[in-house]
N, C-alpha and C. Protein backbone atom coordinates (compact mmCIF):
# COMPACT_ATOMS: atom_id res chain seq x y z
N GLN A 1 134.11 110.51 81.25
CA GLN A 1 133.07 111.01 80.12
C GLN A 1 133.17 111.60 79.07
N VAL A 2 133.26 111.87 77.44
CA VAL A 2 132.92 112.67 76.63
C VAL A 2 131.90 112.75 76.12
N GLN A 3 130.96 113.97 75.93
CA GLN A 3 130.09 113.95 75.50
C GLN A 3 129.84 115.09 73.81
N LEU A 4 129.08 114.50 73.01
CA LEU A 4 128.93 114.57 71.77
C LEU A 4 128.69 115.48 71.11
N VAL A 5 128.19 116.48 70.64
CA VAL A 5 126.47 117.56 70.15
C VAL A 5 127.08 117.47 69.06
N GLU A 6 126.13 117.20 67.92
CA GLU A 6 126.70 117.48 66.67
C GLU A 6 125.24 118.39 66.12
N SER A 7 125.70 119.21 65.24
CA SER A 7 124.78 119.98 64.50
C SER A 7 124.73 119.82 62.70
N GLY A 8 124.18 120.92 62.05
CA GLY A 8 124.44 121.38 60.40
C GLY A 8 123.53 120.27 59.76
N GLY A 9 122.97 119.45 60.14
CA GLY A 9 122.12 118.13 59.19
C GLY A 9 121.10 119.11 58.80
N ASP A 10 120.50 118.74 57.37
CA ASP A 10 119.42 119.32 56.63
C ASP A 10 118.77 118.65 55.70
N LEU A 11 118.02 119.54 54.75
CA LEU A 11 117.05 119.23 53.89
C LEU A 11 117.97 119.58 52.31
N VAL A 12 118.94 118.97 51.45
CA VAL A 12 119.47 119.32 50.76
C VAL A 12 119.50 118.37 48.95
N GLN A 13 119.30 119.59 48.09
CA GLN A 13 119.06 119.51 46.65
C GLN A 13 120.53 118.49 46.17
N ALA A 14 120.15 117.38 45.37
CA ALA A 14 121.16 117.12 45.37
C ALA A 14 122.80 117.78 43.78
N GLY A 15 123.70 117.65 44.51
CA GLY A 15 124.90 118.14 44.02
C GLY A 15 125.48 119.43 45.09
N GLY A 16 124.14 119.72 46.00
CA GLY A 16 124.83 120.22 47.04
C GLY A 16 125.55 120.36 48.03
N SER A 17 126.27 121.21 48.93
CA SER A 17 127.42 120.85 49.98
C SER A 17 126.47 121.09 51.47
N LEU A 18 126.86 120.55 52.55
CA LEU A 18 126.51 120.60 53.94
C LEU A 18 128.11 120.89 54.56
N ARG A 19 128.17 121.19 55.92
CA ARG A 19 128.99 121.30 56.67
C ARG A 19 127.77 120.57 58.05
N LEU A 20 128.59 119.57 58.68
CA LEU A 20 128.54 119.20 59.88
C LEU A 20 129.73 119.34 61.06
N SER A 21 129.29 119.49 62.12
CA SER A 21 130.16 119.88 63.14
C SER A 21 129.94 118.97 64.33
N CYS A 22 130.88 118.61 65.26
CA CYS A 22 130.53 118.15 66.47
C CYS A 22 131.58 118.73 67.47
N ALA A 23 130.90 119.30 68.55
CA ALA A 23 132.08 119.75 69.74
C ALA A 23 131.52 118.62 70.67
N ALA A 24 133.12 118.46 71.29
CA ALA A 24 133.26 117.25 72.39
C ALA A 24 133.03 118.33 74.13
N SER A 25 132.79 117.71 74.91
CA SER A 25 133.06 117.90 75.97
C SER A 25 133.23 116.90 77.10
N GLY A 26 133.92 117.52 78.46
CA GLY A 26 133.74 116.67 79.33
C GLY A 26 135.24 116.34 79.45
N ARG A 27 135.88 115.04 79.04
CA ARG A 27 137.23 114.56 79.56
C ARG A 27 137.91 114.64 78.08
N THR A 28 137.89 115.61 77.79
CA THR A 28 138.58 115.83 76.00
C THR A 28 139.62 115.74 76.16
N GLY A 29 140.81 116.16 76.87
CA GLY A 29 141.94 115.57 76.89
C GLY A 29 142.65 114.01 76.69
N SER A 30 141.64 112.84 76.80
CA SER A 30 141.48 111.63 76.64
C SER A 30 141.40 111.13 75.15
N ILE A 31 140.72 112.18 74.38
CA ILE A 31 140.34 112.07 73.05
C ILE A 31 141.32 111.40 71.95
N ASN A 32 141.53 110.37 71.02
CA ASN A 32 142.01 110.18 70.37
C ASN A 32 141.58 110.56 69.22
N ALA A 33 140.69 109.22 68.38
CA ALA A 33 140.39 109.59 66.95
C ALA A 33 138.96 110.41 67.24
N MET A 34 138.49 111.31 66.25
CA MET A 34 137.21 111.69 66.19
C MET A 34 136.83 111.46 64.73
N GLY A 35 135.44 111.45 64.22
CA GLY A 35 135.10 111.25 63.25
C GLY A 35 133.31 111.38 62.76
N TRP A 36 133.22 110.43 61.68
CA TRP A 36 131.90 110.64 61.38
C TRP A 36 131.36 109.45 60.85
N TYR A 37 130.00 108.68 61.57
CA TYR A 37 129.44 107.22 61.28
C TYR A 37 128.33 107.59 60.54
N ARG A 38 127.70 106.99 59.80
CA ARG A 38 126.06 106.78 59.10
C ARG A 38 125.62 105.86 58.71
N GLN A 39 123.88 106.03 59.33
CA GLN A 39 123.43 104.98 59.34
C GLN A 39 122.38 105.40 58.49
N ALA A 40 121.48 104.79 56.90
CA ALA A 40 120.51 104.84 56.53
C ALA A 40 119.48 103.96 56.90
N PRO A 41 118.55 104.06 56.46
CA PRO A 41 117.26 103.54 56.79
C PRO A 41 117.53 101.90 56.38
N GLY A 42 117.20 100.98 57.19
CA GLY A 42 117.43 99.71 56.88
C GLY A 42 118.93 98.85 56.46
N LYS A 43 119.83 100.30 56.94
CA LYS A 43 121.29 99.78 56.75
C LYS A 43 122.14 99.92 57.59
N GLU A 44 123.23 99.06 57.92
CA GLU A 44 123.58 99.18 58.97
C GLU A 44 124.94 100.51 59.12
N ARG A 45 124.89 100.73 60.61
CA ARG A 45 126.00 102.10 60.34
C ARG A 45 127.78 101.43 59.91
N GLU A 46 127.58 102.56 59.23
CA GLU A 46 129.38 102.46 58.22
C GLU A 46 130.12 104.10 58.75
N LEU A 47 131.33 103.68 58.99
CA LEU A 47 132.07 104.64 58.61
C LEU A 47 131.89 105.44 57.54
N VAL A 48 132.12 106.54 57.76
CA VAL A 48 132.40 108.00 56.58
C VAL A 48 133.52 108.17 56.59
N ALA A 49 134.02 108.81 57.82
CA ALA A 49 135.39 109.65 57.76
C ALA A 49 135.76 109.67 59.15
N ILE A 50 137.01 109.42 59.20
CA ILE A 50 137.97 109.62 60.77
C ILE A 50 139.34 109.86 61.15
N MET A 51 139.54 111.10 61.83
CA MET A 51 140.61 111.42 61.59
C MET A 51 141.61 111.32 63.22
N MET A 52 142.45 110.95 63.36
CA MET A 52 143.30 110.45 64.53
C MET A 52 143.73 111.75 64.97
N ARG A 53 144.13 112.17 66.47
CA ARG A 53 144.59 113.16 67.17
C ARG A 53 145.85 113.46 66.15
N GLY A 54 146.84 112.56 65.66
CA GLY A 54 147.72 113.36 64.89
C GLY A 54 147.49 113.69 63.45
N GLY A 55 146.54 113.73 63.16
CA GLY A 55 146.14 114.24 61.68
C GLY A 55 146.10 112.77 60.67
N ALA A 56 146.19 111.98 60.79
CA ALA A 56 145.88 110.84 59.77
C ALA A 56 144.15 110.86 59.32
N THR A 57 144.13 110.50 58.39
CA THR A 57 142.06 110.22 58.15
C THR A 57 142.24 109.13 56.99
N LYS A 58 140.55 108.71 57.51
CA LYS A 58 140.25 107.49 56.52
C LYS A 58 139.70 107.55 56.24
N TYR A 59 138.73 107.72 54.94
CA TYR A 59 137.65 107.78 54.28
C TYR A 59 136.85 106.57 53.79
N ALA A 60 135.46 106.44 53.80
CA ALA A 60 134.84 105.64 52.97
C ALA A 60 135.05 105.63 51.49
N ASP A 61 135.28 104.75 50.89
CA ASP A 61 135.59 104.78 49.26
C ASP A 61 134.25 105.65 48.50
N SER A 62 133.14 105.38 48.97
CA SER A 62 132.38 106.16 48.43
C SER A 62 131.86 107.64 48.51
N VAL A 63 132.64 108.23 49.50
CA VAL A 63 132.68 109.87 49.63
C VAL A 63 134.31 110.24 49.81
N LYS A 64 135.19 109.55 49.02
CA LYS A 64 136.85 110.44 48.93
C LYS A 64 136.28 111.20 47.51
N GLY A 65 137.03 111.84 47.86
CA GLY A 65 136.78 113.23 46.62
C GLY A 65 135.63 114.20 46.88
N ARG A 66 135.05 113.64 47.62
CA ARG A 66 133.65 114.76 47.85
C ARG A 66 133.89 115.45 49.66
N PHE A 67 133.98 114.29 50.43
CA PHE A 67 133.79 114.61 51.67
C PHE A 67 135.20 115.11 52.74
N ALA A 68 135.55 115.99 53.15
CA ALA A 68 136.75 116.10 54.09
C ALA A 68 136.49 116.43 55.42
N ILE A 69 137.06 115.89 56.00
CA ILE A 69 136.79 116.10 57.44
C ILE A 69 138.29 116.80 58.40
N SER A 70 137.49 117.17 59.07
CA SER A 70 138.71 118.61 59.47
C SER A 70 138.75 118.47 61.11
N ARG A 71 139.62 119.27 61.92
CA ARG A 71 140.03 119.04 63.20
C ARG A 71 140.19 119.65 64.18
N ASP A 72 139.37 120.73 64.79
CA ASP A 72 140.24 121.36 65.61
C ASP A 72 140.51 121.20 67.14
N ASN A 73 141.38 120.64 67.28
CA ASN A 73 141.86 120.02 68.42
C ASN A 73 141.96 121.15 70.06
N ALA A 74 142.18 122.28 69.62
CA ALA A 74 142.18 123.41 70.38
C ALA A 74 140.67 123.51 71.28
N ASN A 75 139.71 123.29 70.28
CA ASN A 75 138.18 123.78 70.46
C ASN A 75 137.77 122.30 70.49
N ASN A 76 138.36 121.15 70.07
CA ASN A 76 137.79 120.14 70.60
C ASN A 76 136.30 119.77 69.56
N THR A 77 136.53 120.28 68.48
CA THR A 77 135.68 119.96 67.53
C THR A 77 136.21 119.15 66.38
N VAL A 78 134.92 118.37 66.03
CA VAL A 78 135.40 118.05 64.18
C VAL A 78 134.14 118.45 63.67
N TYR A 79 134.97 118.46 61.86
CA TYR A 79 133.89 118.88 61.02
C TYR A 79 133.64 117.71 59.95
N LEU A 80 132.76 117.80 59.23
CA LEU A 80 133.00 116.91 58.12
C LEU A 80 132.00 118.12 57.17
N GLN A 81 133.03 118.33 55.66
CA GLN A 81 132.49 119.22 54.44
C GLN A 81 131.82 118.10 53.75
N MET A 82 130.68 118.14 53.29
CA MET A 82 130.24 117.08 52.72
C MET A 82 129.91 118.47 50.93
N ASN A 83 130.33 117.63 49.49
CA ASN A 83 130.03 118.51 48.71
C ASN A 83 129.54 117.56 47.49
N VAL A 84 129.05 118.00 46.52
CA VAL A 84 128.40 117.42 45.27
C VAL A 84 127.42 115.74 46.10
N LEU A 85 126.84 116.40 47.10
CA LEU A 85 126.10 115.41 47.70
C LEU A 85 124.83 114.49 46.61
N LYS A 86 124.89 113.43 47.16
CA LYS A 86 123.89 112.37 46.57
C LYS A 86 122.39 111.68 47.23
N ALA A 87 121.74 111.64 46.41
CA ALA A 87 120.74 110.61 47.36
C ALA A 87 120.93 109.40 48.25
N GLU A 88 122.40 108.50 47.62
CA GLU A 88 122.45 107.88 48.69
C GLU A 88 123.31 108.57 50.16
N ASP A 89 124.07 109.33 49.96
CA ASP A 89 124.25 110.04 51.04
C ASP A 89 123.17 110.45 52.36
N THR A 90 121.77 110.43 52.45
CA THR A 90 121.11 110.79 53.16
C THR A 90 120.83 109.57 53.81
N ALA A 91 120.71 110.03 55.14
CA ALA A 91 121.51 109.28 56.35
C ALA A 91 121.22 109.67 57.63
N VAL A 92 121.39 109.83 59.11
CA VAL A 92 121.76 109.93 60.03
C VAL A 92 123.26 109.92 60.56
N TYR A 93 123.89 110.64 60.53
CA TYR A 93 125.25 111.08 60.97
C TYR A 93 125.62 110.99 62.04
N TYR A 94 126.20 110.09 62.87
CA TYR A 94 126.84 110.20 63.80
C TYR A 94 128.16 110.99 64.43
N CYS A 95 128.38 111.35 65.06
CA CYS A 95 129.66 111.82 65.70
C CYS A 95 130.37 111.00 66.66
N TYR A 96 131.66 110.54 66.49
CA TYR A 96 132.18 109.23 67.30
C TYR A 96 133.48 110.21 67.86
N ALA A 97 133.99 109.38 68.82
CA ALA A 97 135.35 109.87 69.58
C ALA A 97 135.62 108.44 70.11
N ASP A 98 136.83 108.25 70.42
CA ASP A 98 137.55 107.09 71.41
C ASP A 98 138.81 107.77 72.11
N THR A 99 138.69 107.38 72.81
CA THR A 99 139.46 107.66 73.58
C THR A 99 141.11 106.86 74.12
N TRP A 100 142.41 107.51 74.59
CA TRP A 100 143.60 107.26 74.52
C TRP A 100 144.11 107.69 76.19
N PRO A 101 144.86 106.64 76.49
CA PRO A 101 145.26 105.19 76.87
C PRO A 101 143.99 104.21 76.85
N VAL A 102 143.25 104.28 77.83
CA VAL A 102 142.31 103.67 78.01
C VAL A 102 141.00 103.86 76.56
N SER A 103 140.79 102.88 76.37
CA SER A 103 139.68 102.62 74.96
C SER A 103 138.03 103.01 75.21
N TYR A 104 137.83 103.84 75.31
CA TYR A 104 136.42 103.84 75.53
C TYR A 104 135.84 104.57 74.31
N GLU A 105 134.64 104.52 73.67
CA GLU A 105 134.00 105.10 72.56
C GLU A 105 132.80 106.02 72.81
N TYR A 106 132.62 107.02 72.05
CA TYR A 106 131.29 107.74 72.62
C TYR A 106 130.64 108.12 71.31
N TRP A 107 129.46 108.38 71.12
CA TRP A 107 128.69 108.39 70.26
C TRP A 107 127.82 110.06 70.70
N GLY A 108 127.50 110.23 69.29
CA GLY A 108 126.72 111.65 69.52
C GLY A 108 125.33 111.22 69.41
N GLN A 109 124.10 111.87 69.26
CA GLN A 109 122.63 111.89 68.91
C GLN A 109 122.64 111.25 67.96
N GLY A 110 123.05 112.18 66.87
CA GLY A 110 122.78 111.74 64.82
C GLY A 110 122.17 113.35 64.81
N THR A 111 122.38 113.72 63.58
CA THR A 111 121.69 114.67 62.81
C THR A 111 121.61 114.33 61.34
N GLN A 112 120.40 114.36 61.19
CA GLN A 112 119.62 113.58 59.73
C GLN A 112 120.25 114.70 58.75
N VAL A 113 120.60 114.15 57.59
CA VAL A 113 120.98 114.78 56.49
C VAL A 113 120.13 113.67 55.29
N THR A 114 119.25 115.09 54.79
CA THR A 114 118.56 114.33 53.84
C THR A 114 118.80 114.89 52.65
N VAL A 115 119.04 114.23 51.45
CA VAL A 115 119.69 114.42 50.26
C VAL A 115 118.46 114.72 49.16
N SER A 116 117.82 115.34 48.34
CA SER A 116 116.56 115.50 47.66
C SER A 116 116.96 115.03 46.13
N SER A 117 116.80 114.02 45.52
CA SER A 117 116.78 113.75 43.99
C SER A 117 116.42 114.48 42.90
């Protein structure tokens, strides 16, 4: 089992910045990918950014150039630096992790990001 705890969500004005953090605990040695998804009201959950254990990353087109994912493998923590925030970035942001070689998926409880225009 892996437990994920997010922090850093807040209310921010458009154009501002936030940094989200997610700390993993439990069987962290099996973690492969860590990243972030988000879900806005009335919409499906979508990938924001993800980083493999080796460092490869993938971003949603809507956040490229504005958001940056980073990871501290020694402390089992993943971060999402969000810059130039827009109203459409408003959502609940969920931390995600999967494991290897047996693939399990884990989710955090979510943290609210609200961007006022």
